[in-house]
Protein backbone atom coordinates (compact mmCIF):
# COMPACT_ATOMS: atom_id res chain seq x y z
CA MET A 1 73.01 113.71 102.94
CA PRO A 2 75.33 110.95 104.19
CA ILE A 3 77.82 109.37 101.81
CA VAL A 4 79.31 106.10 103.01
CA ASN A 5 82.36 104.58 101.30
CA ILE A 6 82.97 100.87 101.81
CA GLN A 7 86.18 99.27 100.61
CA VAL A 8 86.42 95.51 100.40
CA THR A 9 89.14 93.34 98.95
CA ARG A 10 88.43 91.81 95.57
CA GLU A 11 88.37 88.26 96.89
CA GLY A 12 84.85 87.08 97.48
CA SER A 13 83.53 85.39 100.56
CA THR A 14 84.36 81.83 99.51
CA PRO A 15 87.53 80.36 97.96
CA GLU A 16 86.03 79.74 94.52
CA ARG A 17 84.93 83.39 94.04
CA ASP A 18 87.08 86.40 93.26
CA SER A 19 84.67 89.23 94.06
CA VAL A 20 81.77 90.23 96.25
CA THR A 21 78.43 89.21 94.73
CA ALA A 22 75.72 91.65 93.67
CA GLU A 23 73.53 90.20 96.43
CA GLU A 24 76.21 90.84 99.08
CA LYS A 25 76.66 94.40 97.84
CA ALA A 26 72.90 94.97 97.94
CA ALA A 27 72.83 93.69 101.53
CA LEU A 28 75.67 96.06 102.49
CA ILE A 29 73.87 99.02 100.91
CA LYS A 30 70.61 98.12 102.63
CA GLY A 31 72.21 97.50 106.01
CA VAL A 32 74.29 100.68 106.05
CA SER A 33 71.35 102.78 104.88
CA GLU A 34 69.08 101.31 107.55
CA LEU A 35 71.74 101.85 110.23
CA LEU A 36 72.00 105.55 109.35
CA ARG A 37 68.21 105.80 109.36
CA ASP A 38 67.94 104.11 112.77
CA VAL A 39 70.87 105.89 114.46
CA LEU A 40 70.92 109.33 112.82
CA ASN A 41 67.33 109.53 111.53
CA LYS A 42 68.58 109.92 107.94
CA PRO A 43 66.02 109.03 105.27
CA LEU A 44 66.94 106.08 103.07
CA GLU A 45 66.57 108.18 99.94
CA SER A 46 69.19 110.69 101.13
CA THR A 47 71.89 108.11 101.92
CA PHE A 48 74.48 107.22 99.29
CA VAL A 49 76.62 104.10 99.62
CA VAL A 50 79.68 103.52 97.44
CA ILE A 51 81.34 100.09 97.39
CA GLU A 52 84.84 99.82 96.00
CA GLU A 53 86.59 96.50 95.49
CA VAL A 54 90.36 96.73 95.94
CA ASP A 55 92.66 94.23 94.24
CA THR A 56 94.78 92.33 96.75
CA ASP A 57 97.99 93.60 95.13
CA ASN A 58 96.90 97.20 95.82
CA TRP A 59 97.00 97.05 99.62
CA GLY A 60 99.02 95.62 102.44
CA TRP A 61 99.84 95.71 106.13
CA GLY A 62 102.73 94.89 108.37
CA GLY A 63 105.06 96.52 105.84
CA LEU A 64 104.27 93.91 103.17
CA PRO A 65 101.84 93.43 100.30
CA ALA A 66 98.73 91.70 101.65
CA LEU A 67 99.23 88.30 100.02
CA GLU A 68 102.87 88.18 101.11
CA TYR A 69 101.90 89.09 104.66
CA ARG A 70 99.27 86.32 104.68
CA ARG A 71 101.88 83.80 103.48
CA LYS A 72 104.19 84.95 106.29
CA LEU A 73 101.42 84.49 108.87
CA ALA A 74 100.59 81.03 107.51
CA ALA A 75 104.25 79.99 107.68
CA MET A 76 104.51 81.27 111.25
CA LYS A 77 101.44 79.23 112.25
CA GLU A 78 102.89 76.10 110.63
CA THR A 79 106.14 76.48 112.57
CA GLY A 80 104.39 77.48 115.79
CA GLU A 81 105.85 80.99 115.79
CA GLY A 82 102.54 82.84 115.60
């Protein structure tokens, strides 16, 4: 029985949204389940998919909180450093 964990940031796919929609989550669940069926021959009914939305202040990269790192990248692009 496969268990797939998907983590996405709690942001949404467009600027006016702050989370992933139910429809997008359903598409992720369907797509991952079908991929495991097609590649590993796992039945859909034996595949579990867990989607966790992570607040942007709970992750980071480049040694900085995510939003701060993004601001740094944006500033570098504006000044031609990046």
